[in-house]
Amino acid sequence: MKLKKILNDIKAFFTKKDPDKKYIELMEKTLHKLREKAQKLEVQLKNEKNLALCKDINLTLMVIYKQQKKCIKLIDDRKNNSSLQKKHKVNTRTELSPPLL
């Protein structure tokens, strides 16, 4: 009985989600929302005839595009520098000089 509890605790420890993976999933959801909003604004811009509103929509679209670029950059950085890759590095110890006798 105690052994079963210990095994369940150990199993939970090894199956814990990586925080980078959670972060990447959230950023992808945010990126998806930004893309949807940009599409809606592009359609609205095509149908808009008021120049002042067109300028506002263009500025909003420019901000959204910059946010999308930042989001993509953050996702790529996290994928390249994920903790899973860092965990499996092999440390080699170099010998600088022969030992003194």
PDB file of N, CA and C in Angstrom:
ATOM      1  N   MET A   1       0.829  -1.188   0.000  1.00  0.00           N
ATOM      2  CA  MET A   1       0.000   0.000   0.000  1.00  0.00           C
ATOM      3  C   MET A   1       0.875   1.254   0.000  1.00  0.00           C
ATOM      4  N   LYS A   2       1.871   1.276   0.879  1.00  0.00           N
ATOM      5  CA  LYS A   2       2.772   2.427   0.921  1.00  0.00           C
ATOM      6  C   LYS A   2       3.595   2.510  -0.353  1.00  0.00           C
ATOM      7  N   LEU A   3       3.984   1.363  -0.852  1.00  0.00           N
ATOM      8  CA  LEU A   3       4.764   1.334  -2.080  1.00  0.00           C
ATOM      9  C   LEU A   3       3.965   1.902  -3.249  1.00  0.00           C
ATOM     10  N   LYS A   4       2.676   1.579  -3.291  1.00  0.00           N
ATOM     11  CA  LYS A   4       1.817   2.082  -4.359  1.00  0.00           C
ATOM     12  C   LYS A   4       1.707   3.609  -4.289  1.00  0.00           C
ATOM     13  N   LYS A   5       1.592   4.145  -3.086  1.00  0.00           N
ATOM     14  CA  LYS A   5       1.501   5.591  -2.908  1.00  0.00           C
ATOM     15  C   LYS A   5       2.803   6.262  -3.346  1.00  0.00           C
ATOM     16  N   ILE A   6       3.919   5.666  -2.979  1.00  0.00           N
ATOM     17  CA  ILE A   6       5.217   6.219  -3.368  1.00  0.00           C
ATOM     18  C   ILE A   6       5.377   6.202  -4.882  1.00  0.00           C
ATOM     19  N   LEU A   7       4.966   5.104  -5.507  1.00  0.00           N
ATOM     20  CA  LEU A   7       5.056   5.012  -6.965  1.00  0.00           C
ATOM     21  C   LEU A   7       4.177   6.055  -7.655  1.00  0.00           C
ATOM     22  N   ASN A   8       2.989   6.299  -7.124  1.00  0.00           N
ATOM     23  CA  ASN A   8       2.113   7.328  -7.692  1.00  0.00           C
ATOM     24  C   ASN A   8       2.723   8.713  -7.549  1.00  0.00           C
ATOM     25  N   ASP A   9       3.360   8.982  -6.411  1.00  0.00           N
ATOM     26  CA  ASP A   9       4.021  10.271  -6.216  1.00  0.00           C
ATOM     27  C   ASP A   9       5.182  10.451  -7.186  1.00  0.00           C
ATOM     28  N   ILE A  10       5.944   9.405  -7.380  1.00  0.00           N
ATOM     29  CA  ILE A  10       7.074   9.474  -8.306  1.00  0.00           C
ATOM     30  C   ILE A  10       6.581   9.652  -9.740  1.00  0.00           C
ATOM     31  N   LYS A  11       5.523   8.958 -10.088  1.00  0.00           N
ATOM     32  CA  LYS A  11       4.963   9.068 -11.433  1.00  0.00           C
ATOM     33  C   LYS A  11       4.491  10.497 -11.702  1.00  0.00           C
ATOM     34  N   ALA A  12       3.838  11.111 -10.721  1.00  0.00           N
ATOM     35  CA  ALA A  12       3.379  12.492 -10.874  1.00  0.00           C
ATOM     36  C   ALA A  12       4.559  13.439 -11.043  1.00  0.00           C
ATOM     37  N   PHE A  13       5.652  13.151 -10.371  1.00  0.00           N
ATOM     38  CA  PHE A  13       6.837  13.998 -10.483  1.00  0.00           C
ATOM     39  C   PHE A  13       7.421  13.954 -11.890  1.00  0.00           C
ATOM     40  N   PHE A  14       7.447  12.772 -12.499  1.00  0.00           N
ATOM     41  CA  PHE A  14       8.040  12.635 -13.821  1.00  0.00           C
ATOM     42  C   PHE A  14       7.115  13.094 -14.941  1.00  0.00           C
ATOM     43  N   THR A  15       5.811  13.111 -14.705  1.00  0.00           N
ATOM     44  CA  THR A  15       4.878  13.525 -15.751  1.00  0.00           C
ATOM     45  C   THR A  15       4.483  14.992 -15.618  1.00  0.00           C
ATOM     46  N   LYS A  16       5.171  15.734 -14.774  1.00  0.00           N
ATOM     47  CA  LYS A  16       4.845  17.145 -14.602  1.00  0.00           C
ATOM     48  C   LYS A  16       5.119  17.900 -15.898  1.00  0.00           C
ATOM     49  N   LYS A  17       4.220  18.822 -16.247  1.00  0.00           N
ATOM     50  CA  LYS A  17       4.357  19.569 -17.484  1.00  0.00           C
ATOM     51  C   LYS A  17       5.490  20.576 -17.389  1.00  0.00           C
ATOM     52  N   ASP A  18       6.128  20.768 -18.503  1.00  0.00           N
ATOM     53  CA  ASP A  18       7.207  21.735 -18.600  1.00  0.00           C
ATOM     54  C   ASP A  18       6.613  23.142 -18.640  1.00  0.00           C
ATOM     55  N   PRO A  19       7.127  24.088 -17.842  1.00  0.00           N
ATOM     56  CA  PRO A  19       6.562  25.445 -17.858  1.00  0.00           C
ATOM     57  C   PRO A  19       6.725  26.135 -19.206  1.00  0.00           C
ATOM     58  N   ASP A  20       7.773  25.788 -19.952  1.00  0.00           N
ATOM     59  CA  ASP A  20       7.941  26.377 -21.278  1.00  0.00           C
ATOM     60  C   ASP A  20       6.827  25.945 -22.217  1.00  0.00           C
ATOM     61  N   LYS A  21       6.399  24.698 -22.086  1.00  0.00           N
ATOM     62  CA  LYS A  21       5.327  24.193 -22.946  1.00  0.00           C
ATOM     63  C   LYS A  21       4.021  24.933 -22.660  1.00  0.00           C
ATOM     64  N   LYS A  22       3.727  25.175 -21.379  1.00  0.00           N
ATOM     65  CA  LYS A  22       2.520  25.926 -21.017  1.00  0.00           C
ATOM     66  C   LYS A  22       2.589  27.340 -21.576  1.00  0.00           C
ATOM     67  N   TYR A  23       3.760  27.969 -21.456  1.00  0.00           N
ATOM     68  CA  TYR A  23       3.956  29.334 -21.944  1.00  0.00           C
ATOM     69  C   TYR A  23       3.758  29.391 -23.458  1.00  0.00           C
ATOM     70  N   ILE A  24       4.313  28.416 -24.165  1.00  0.00           N
ATOM     71  CA  ILE A  24       4.190  28.399 -25.623  1.00  0.00           C
ATOM     72  C   ILE A  24       2.733  28.225 -26.030  1.00  0.00           C
ATOM     73  N   GLU A  25       1.992  27.369 -25.333  1.00  0.00           N
ATOM     74  CA  GLU A  25       0.573  27.172 -25.642  1.00  0.00           C
ATOM     75  C   GLU A  25      -0.221  28.460 -25.447  1.00  0.00           C
ATOM     76  N   LEU A  26       0.054  29.174 -24.355  1.00  0.00           N
ATOM     77  CA  LEU A  26      -0.640  30.441 -24.098  1.00  0.00           C
ATOM     78  C   LEU A  26      -0.292  31.489 -25.153  1.00  0.00           C
ATOM     79  N   MET A  27       0.972  31.542 -25.538  1.00  0.00           N
ATOM     80  CA  MET A  27       1.382  32.511 -26.554  1.00  0.00           C
ATOM     81  C   MET A  27       0.759  32.181 -27.910  1.00  0.00           C
ATOM     82  N   GLU A  28       0.607  30.901 -28.227  1.00  0.00           N
ATOM     83  CA  GLU A  28      -0.030  30.529 -29.490  1.00  0.00           C
ATOM     84  C   GLU A  28      -1.503  30.900 -29.493  1.00  0.00           C
ATOM     85  N   LYS A  29      -2.174  30.775 -28.352  1.00  0.00           N
ATOM     86  CA  LYS A  29      -3.573  31.206 -28.246  1.00  0.00           C
ATOM     87  C   LYS A  29      -3.672  32.719 -28.447  1.00  0.00           C
ATOM     88  N   THR A  30      -2.757  33.441 -27.827  1.00  0.00           N
ATOM     89  CA  THR A  30      -2.744  34.902 -27.971  1.00  0.00           C
ATOM     90  C   THR A  30      -2.491  35.286 -29.422  1.00  0.00           C
ATOM     91  N   LEU A  31      -1.559  34.608 -30.065  1.00  0.00           N
ATOM     92  CA  LEU A  31      -1.262  34.880 -31.468  1.00  0.00           C
ATOM     93  C   LEU A  31      -2.476  34.606 -32.351  1.00  0.00           C
ATOM     94  N   HIS A  32      -3.203  33.547 -32.061  1.00  0.00           N
ATOM     95  CA  HIS A  32      -4.408  33.224 -32.821  1.00  0.00           C
ATOM     96  C   HIS A  32      -5.461  34.328 -32.669  1.00  0.00           C
ATOM     97  N   LYS A  33      -5.632  34.827 -31.446  1.00  0.00           N
ATOM     98  CA  LYS A  33      -6.594  35.907 -31.212  1.00  0.00           C
ATOM     99  C   LYS A  33      -6.191  37.174 -31.957  1.00  0.00           C
ATOM    100  N   LEU A  34      -4.895  37.478 -31.971  1.00  0.00           N
ATOM    101  CA  LEU A  34      -4.412  38.665 -32.687  1.00  0.00           C
ATOM    102  C   LEU A  34      -4.666  38.537 -34.185  1.00  0.00           C
ATOM    103  N   ARG A  35      -4.459  37.363 -34.717  1.00  0.00           N
ATOM    104  CA  ARG A  35      -4.699  37.153 -36.153  1.00  0.00           C
ATOM    105  C   ARG A  35      -6.170  37.312 -36.495  1.00  0.00           C
ATOM    106  N   GLU A  36      -7.055  36.790 -35.643  1.00  0.00           N
ATOM    107  CA  GLU A  36      -8.495  36.933 -35.883  1.00  0.00           C
ATOM    108  C   GLU A  36      -8.901  38.409 -35.849  1.00  0.00           C
ATOM    109  N   LYS A  37      -8.378  39.132 -34.871  1.00  0.00           N
ATOM    110  CA  LYS A  37      -8.721  40.547 -34.748  1.00  0.00           C
ATOM    111  C   LYS A  37      -8.206  41.325 -35.960  1.00  0.00           C
ATOM    112  N   ALA A  38      -7.014  40.987 -36.442  1.00  0.00           N
ATOM    113  CA  ALA A  38      -6.462  41.667 -37.610  1.00  0.00           C
ATOM    114  C   ALA A  38      -7.323  41.409 -38.843  1.00  0.00           C
ATOM    115  N   GLN A  39      -7.811  40.186 -39.008  1.00  0.00           N
ATOM    116  CA  GLN A  39      -8.671  39.880 -40.149  1.00  0.00           C
ATOM    117  C   GLN A  39      -9.969  40.677 -40.094  1.00  0.00           C
ATOM    118  N   LYS A  40     -10.550  40.776 -38.906  1.00  0.00           N
ATOM    119  CA  LYS A  40     -11.786  41.549 -38.760  1.00  0.00           C
ATOM    120  C   LYS A  40     -11.559  43.023 -39.089  1.00  0.00           C
ATOM    121  N   LEU A  41     -10.430  43.561 -38.626  1.00  0.00           N
ATOM    122  CA  LEU A  41     -10.137  44.963 -38.898  1.00  0.00           C
ATOM    123  C   LEU A  41      -9.845  45.208 -40.377  1.00  0.00           C
ATOM    124  N   GLU A  42      -9.218  44.259 -41.054  1.00  0.00           N
ATOM    125  CA  GLU A  42      -8.974  44.421 -42.485  1.00  0.00           C
ATOM    126  C   GLU A  42     -10.280  44.465 -43.270  1.00  0.00           C
ATOM    127  N   VAL A  43     -11.222  43.622 -42.884  1.00  0.00           N
ATOM    128  CA  VAL A  43     -12.534  43.637 -43.540  1.00  0.00           C
ATOM    129  C   VAL A  43     -13.237  44.956 -43.262  1.00  0.00           C
ATOM    130  N   GLN A  44     -13.136  45.421 -42.020  1.00  0.00           N
ATOM    131  CA  GLN A  44     -13.772  46.687 -41.652  1.00  0.00           C
ATOM    132  C   GLN A  44     -13.120  47.846 -42.404  1.00  0.00           C
ATOM    133  N   LEU A  45     -11.813  47.777 -42.612  1.00  0.00           N
ATOM    134  CA  LEU A  45     -11.099  48.836 -43.331  1.00  0.00           C
ATOM    135  C   LEU A  45     -11.544  48.905 -44.785  1.00  0.00           C
ATOM    136  N   LYS A  46     -11.784  47.748 -45.404  1.00  0.00           N
ATOM    137  CA  LYS A  46     -12.236  47.727 -46.795  1.00  0.00           C
ATOM    138  C   LYS A  46     -13.616  48.372 -46.935  1.00  0.00           C
ATOM    139  N   ASN A  47     -14.467  48.188 -45.942  1.00  0.00           N
ATOM    140  CA  ASN A  47     -15.841  48.694 -46.025  1.00  0.00           C
ATOM    141  C   ASN A  47     -15.985  50.115 -45.509  1.00  0.00           C
ATOM    142  N   GLU A  48     -14.972  50.634 -44.832  1.00  0.00           N
ATOM    143  CA  GLU A  48     -15.066  51.964 -44.220  1.00  0.00           C
ATOM    144  C   GLU A  48     -14.821  53.060 -45.251  1.00  0.00           C
ATOM    145  N   LYS A  49     -15.621  54.131 -45.163  1.00  0.00           N
ATOM    146  CA  LYS A  49     -15.482  55.257 -46.092  1.00  0.00           C
ATOM    147  C   LYS A  49     -14.992  56.516 -45.388  1.00  0.00           C
ATOM    148  N   ASN A  50     -15.107  56.576 -44.078  1.00  0.00           N
ATOM    149  CA  ASN A  50     -14.655  57.726 -43.310  1.00  0.00           C
ATOM    150  C   ASN A  50     -13.131  57.660 -43.160  1.00  0.00           C
ATOM    151  N   LEU A  51     -12.445  58.750 -43.596  1.00  0.00           N
ATOM    152  CA  LEU A  51     -10.983  58.744 -43.584  1.00  0.00           C
ATOM    153  C   LEU A  51     -10.404  58.717 -42.170  1.00  0.00           C
ATOM    154  N   ALA A  52     -11.060  59.392 -41.249  1.00  0.00           N
ATOM    155  CA  ALA A  52     -10.557  59.405 -39.874  1.00  0.00           C
ATOM    156  C   ALA A  52     -10.601  57.996 -39.261  1.00  0.00           C
ATOM    157  N   LEU A  53     -11.680  57.285 -39.505  1.00  0.00           N
ATOM    158  CA  LEU A  53     -11.774  55.919 -39.008  1.00  0.00           C
ATOM    159  C   LEU A  53     -10.784  54.998 -39.717  1.00  0.00           C
ATOM    160  N   CYS A  54     -10.525  55.257 -40.987  1.00  0.00           N
ATOM    161  CA  CYS A  54      -9.544  54.452 -41.719  1.00  0.00           C
ATOM    162  C   CYS A  54      -8.150  54.607 -41.107  1.00  0.00           C
ATOM    163  N   LYS A  55      -7.806  55.849 -40.722  1.00  0.00           N
ATOM    164  CA  LYS A  55      -6.502  56.078 -40.083  1.00  0.00           C
ATOM    165  C   LYS A  55      -6.404  55.334 -38.758  1.00  0.00           C
ATOM    166  N   ASP A  56      -7.477  55.384 -37.973  1.00  0.00           N
ATOM    167  CA  ASP A  56      -7.485  54.679 -36.689  1.00  0.00           C
ATOM    168  C   ASP A  56      -7.335  53.162 -36.886  1.00  0.00           C
ATOM    169  N   ILE A  57      -8.041  52.643 -37.863  1.00  0.00           N
ATOM    170  CA  ILE A  57      -7.964  51.209 -38.132  1.00  0.00           C
ATOM    171  C   ILE A  57      -6.559  50.837 -38.603  1.00  0.00           C
ATOM    172  N   ASN A  58      -5.957  51.671 -39.453  1.00  0.00           N
ATOM    173  CA  ASN A  58      -4.595  51.400 -39.925  1.00  0.00           C
ATOM    174  C   ASN A  58      -3.603  51.400 -38.763  1.00  0.00           C
ATOM    175  N   LEU A  59      -3.733  52.353 -37.854  1.00  0.00           N
ATOM    176  CA  LEU A  59      -2.839  52.398 -36.693  1.00  0.00           C
ATOM    177  C   LEU A  59      -3.023  51.162 -35.811  1.00  0.00           C
ATOM    178  N   THR A  60      -4.269  50.776 -35.614  1.00  0.00           N
ATOM    179  CA  THR A  60      -4.541  49.586 -34.817  1.00  0.00           C
ATOM    180  C   THR A  60      -3.956  48.344 -35.481  1.00  0.00           C
ATOM    181  N   LEU A  61      -4.073  48.248 -36.789  1.00  0.00           N
ATOM    182  CA  LEU A  61      -3.504  47.108 -37.508  1.00  0.00           C
ATOM    183  C   LEU A  61      -1.981  47.082 -37.399  1.00  0.00           C
ATOM    184  N   MET A  62      -1.351  48.240 -37.475  1.00  0.00           N
ATOM    185  CA  MET A  62       0.107  48.293 -37.341  1.00  0.00           C
ATOM    186  C   MET A  62       0.547  47.803 -35.961  1.00  0.00           C
ATOM    187  N   VAL A  63      -0.191  48.202 -34.925  1.00  0.00           N
ATOM    188  CA  VAL A  63       0.128  47.747 -33.568  1.00  0.00           C
ATOM    189  C   VAL A  63      -0.053  46.244 -33.452  1.00  0.00           C
ATOM    190  N   ILE A  64      -1.118  45.729 -34.012  1.00  0.00           N
ATOM    191  CA  ILE A  64      -1.381  44.289 -33.956  1.00  0.00           C
ATOM    192  C   ILE A  64      -0.296  43.516 -34.686  1.00  0.00           C
ATOM    193  N   TYR A  65       0.150  44.000 -35.837  1.00  0.00           N
ATOM    194  CA  TYR A  65       1.201  43.300 -36.577  1.00  0.00           C
ATOM    195  C   TYR A  65       2.511  43.278 -35.788  1.00  0.00           C
ATOM    196  N   LYS A  66       2.828  44.377 -35.106  1.00  0.00           N
ATOM    197  CA  LYS A  66       4.038  44.396 -34.280  1.00  0.00           C
ATOM    198  C   LYS A  66       3.914  43.430 -33.109  1.00  0.00           C
ATOM    199  N   GLN A  67       2.734  43.361 -32.500  1.00  0.00           N
ATOM    200  CA  GLN A  67       2.525  42.421 -31.407  1.00  0.00           C
ATOM    201  C   GLN A  67       2.640  40.973 -31.890  1.00  0.00           C
ATOM    202  N   GLN A  68       2.159  40.711 -33.105  1.00  0.00           N
ATOM    203  CA  GLN A  68       2.279  39.371 -33.667  1.00  0.00           C
ATOM    204  C   GLN A  68       3.748  38.998 -33.858  1.00  0.00           C
ATOM    205  N   LYS A  69       4.542  39.945 -34.367  1.00  0.00           N
ATOM    206  CA  LYS A  69       5.968  39.670 -34.562  1.00  0.00           C
ATOM    207  C   LYS A  69       6.654  39.389 -33.232  1.00  0.00           C
ATOM    208  N   LYS A  70       6.324  40.172 -32.197  1.00  0.00           N
ATOM    209  CA  LYS A  70       6.906  39.939 -30.876  1.00  0.00           C
ATOM    210  C   LYS A  70       6.497  38.582 -30.330  1.00  0.00           C
ATOM    211  N   CYS A  71       5.248  38.229 -30.528  1.00  0.00           N
ATOM    212  CA  CYS A  71       4.731  36.950 -30.037  1.00  0.00           C
ATOM    213  C   CYS A  71       5.448  35.788 -30.719  1.00  0.00           C
ATOM    214  N   ILE A  72       5.636  35.876 -32.022  1.00  0.00           N
ATOM    215  CA  ILE A  72       6.342  34.827 -32.759  1.00  0.00           C
ATOM    216  C   ILE A  72       7.787  34.735 -32.292  1.00  0.00           C
ATOM    217  N   LYS A  73       8.410  35.877 -32.059  1.00  0.00           N
ATOM    218  CA  LYS A  73       9.803  35.893 -31.599  1.00  0.00           C
ATOM    219  C   LYS A  73       9.916  35.249 -30.211  1.00  0.00           C
ATOM    220  N   LEU A  74       8.988  35.559 -29.316  1.00  0.00           N
ATOM    221  CA  LEU A  74       9.011  34.961 -27.974  1.00  0.00           C
ATOM    222  C   LEU A  74       8.809  33.452 -28.020  1.00  0.00           C
ATOM    223  N   ILE A  75       7.905  33.005 -28.877  1.00  0.00           N
ATOM    224  CA  ILE A  75       7.669  31.569 -29.019  1.00  0.00           C
ATOM    225  C   ILE A  75       8.932  30.877 -29.531  1.00  0.00           C
ATOM    226  N   ASP A  76       9.570  31.460 -30.544  1.00  0.00           N
ATOM    227  CA  ASP A  76      10.794  30.860 -31.083  1.00  0.00           C
ATOM    228  C   ASP A  76      11.907  30.832 -30.050  1.00  0.00           C
ATOM    229  N   ASP A  77      12.039  31.903 -29.271  1.00  0.00           N
ATOM    230  CA  ASP A  77      13.070  31.941 -28.230  1.00  0.00           C
ATOM    231  C   ASP A  77      12.835  30.855 -27.191  1.00  0.00           C
ATOM    232  N   ARG A  78      11.585  30.688 -26.786  1.00  0.00           N
ATOM    233  CA  ARG A  78      11.282  29.665 -25.783  1.00  0.00           C
ATOM    234  C   ARG A  78      11.509  28.261 -26.336  1.00  0.00           C
ATOM    235  N   LYS A  79      11.183  28.064 -27.612  1.00  0.00           N
ATOM    236  CA  LYS A  79      11.394  26.738 -28.205  1.00  0.00           C
ATOM    237  C   LYS A  79      12.884  26.430 -28.308  1.00  0.00           C
ATOM    238  N   ASN A  80      13.674  27.431 -28.662  1.00  0.00           N
ATOM    239  CA  ASN A  80      15.113  27.206 -28.813  1.00  0.00           C
ATOM    240  C   ASN A  80      15.820  27.060 -27.472  1.00  0.00           C
ATOM    241  N   ASN A  81      15.336  27.740 -26.443  1.00  0.00           N
ATOM    242  CA  ASN A  81      15.996  27.727 -25.137  1.00  0.00           C
ATOM    243  C   ASN A  81      15.158  27.026 -24.080  1.00  0.00           C
ATOM    244  N   SER A  82      14.432  26.014 -24.472  1.00  0.00           N
ATOM    245  CA  SER A  82      13.555  25.347 -23.512  1.00  0.00           C
ATOM    246  C   SER A  82      14.371  24.616 -22.459  1.00  0.00           C
ATOM    247  N   SER A  83      13.773  24.436 -21.311  1.00  0.00           N
ATOM    248  CA  SER A  83      14.468  23.791 -20.207  1.00  0.00           C
ATOM    249  C   SER A  83      14.724  22.317 -20.497  1.00  0.00           C
ATOM    250  N   LEU A  84      13.944  21.708 -21.392  1.00  0.00           N
ATOM    251  CA  LEU A  84      14.176  20.310 -21.735  1.00  0.00           C
ATOM    252  C   LEU A  84      15.521  20.135 -22.432  1.00  0.00           C
ATOM    253  N   GLN A  85      15.858  21.089 -23.279  1.00  0.00           N
ATOM    254  CA  GLN A  85      17.139  21.005 -23.959  1.00  0.00           C
ATOM    255  C   GLN A  85      18.282  21.256 -22.986  1.00  0.00           C
ATOM    256  N   LYS A  86      18.082  22.122 -22.025  1.00  0.00           N
ATOM    257  CA  LYS A  86      19.122  22.441 -21.065  1.00  0.00           C
ATOM    258  C   LYS A  86      19.379  21.282 -20.112  1.00  0.00           C
ATOM    259  N   LYS A  87      18.357  20.517 -19.794  1.00  0.00           N
ATOM    260  CA  LYS A  87      18.485  19.422 -18.832  1.00  0.00           C
ATOM    261  C   LYS A  87      19.394  18.314 -19.347  1.00  0.00           C
ATOM    262  N   HIS A  88      19.431  18.106 -20.640  1.00  0.00           N
ATOM    263  CA  HIS A  88      20.123  16.952 -21.186  1.00  0.00           C
ATOM    264  C   HIS A  88      21.510  17.271 -21.727  1.00  0.00           C
ATOM    265  N   LYS A  89      22.078  18.384 -21.341  1.00  0.00           N
ATOM    266  CA  LYS A  89      23.432  18.695 -21.775  1.00  0.00           C
ATOM    267  C   LYS A  89      24.422  17.849 -20.993  1.00  0.00           C
ATOM    268  N   VAL A  90      25.444  17.432 -21.678  1.00  0.00           N
ATOM    269  CA  VAL A  90      26.468  16.635 -21.041  1.00  0.00           C
ATOM    270  C   VAL A  90      27.611  17.553 -20.634  1.00  0.00           C
ATOM    271  N   ASN A  91      27.949  17.503 -19.380  1.00  0.00           N
ATOM    272  CA  ASN A  91      29.059  18.312 -18.888  1.00  0.00           C
ATOM    273  C   ASN A  91      30.338  17.488 -18.931  1.00  0.00           C
ATOM    274  N   THR A  92      31.303  17.999 -19.635  1.00  0.00           N
ATOM    275  CA  THR A  92      32.589  17.318 -19.684  1.00  0.00           C
ATOM    276  C   THR A  92      33.588  18.140 -18.890  1.00  0.00           C
ATOM    277  N   ARG A  93      34.400  17.458 -18.190  1.00  0.00           N
ATOM    278  CA  ARG A  93      35.399  18.127 -17.352  1.00  0.00           C
ATOM    279  C   ARG A  93      36.750  17.993 -18.028  1.00  0.00           C
ATOM    280  N   THR A  94      37.337  19.092 -18.349  1.00  0.00           N
ATOM    281  CA  THR A  94      38.617  19.057 -19.025  1.00  0.00           C
ATOM    282  C   THR A  94      39.741  19.108 -17.997  1.00  0.00           C
ATOM    283  N   GLU A  95      40.818  18.501 -18.340  1.00  0.00           N
ATOM    284  CA  GLU A  95      41.971  18.504 -17.459  1.00  0.00           C
ATOM    285  C   GLU A  95      42.955  19.504 -18.027  1.00  0.00           C
ATOM    286  N   LEU A  96      43.225  20.545 -17.267  1.00  0.00           N
ATOM    287  CA  LEU A  96      44.072  21.621 -17.763  1.00  0.00           C
ATOM    288  C   LEU A  96      45.555  21.255 -17.717  1.00  0.00           C
ATOM    289  N   SER A  97      45.957  20.596 -16.691  1.00  0.00           N
ATOM    290  CA  SER A  97      47.374  20.220 -16.596  1.00  0.00           C
ATOM    291  C   SER A  97      47.474  18.873 -15.902  1.00  0.00           C
ATOM    292  N   PRO A  98      48.589  18.180 -16.085  1.00  0.00           N
ATOM    293  CA  PRO A  98      48.709  16.904 -15.399  1.00  0.00           C
ATOM    294  C   PRO A  98      48.839  17.113 -13.895  1.00  0.00           C
ATOM    295  N   PRO A  99      48.363  16.178 -13.132  1.00  0.00           N
ATOM    296  CA  PRO A  99      48.439  16.351 -11.680  1.00  0.00           C
ATOM    297  C   PRO A  99      49.883  16.374 -11.178  1.00  0.00           C
ATOM    298  N   LEU A 100      50.112  17.204 -10.169  1.00  0.00           N
ATOM    299  CA  LEU A 100      51.440  17.304  -9.579  1.00  0.00           C
ATOM    300  C   LEU A 100      51.692  16.151  -8.637  1.00  0.00           C
ATOM    301  N   LEU A 101      52.899  15.619  -8.669  1.00  0.00           N
ATOM    302  CA  LEU A 101      53.250  14.496  -7.818  1.00  0.00           C
ATOM    303  C   LEU A 101      54.002  14.928  -6.601  1.00  0.00           C
TER     304      LEU A 101
END
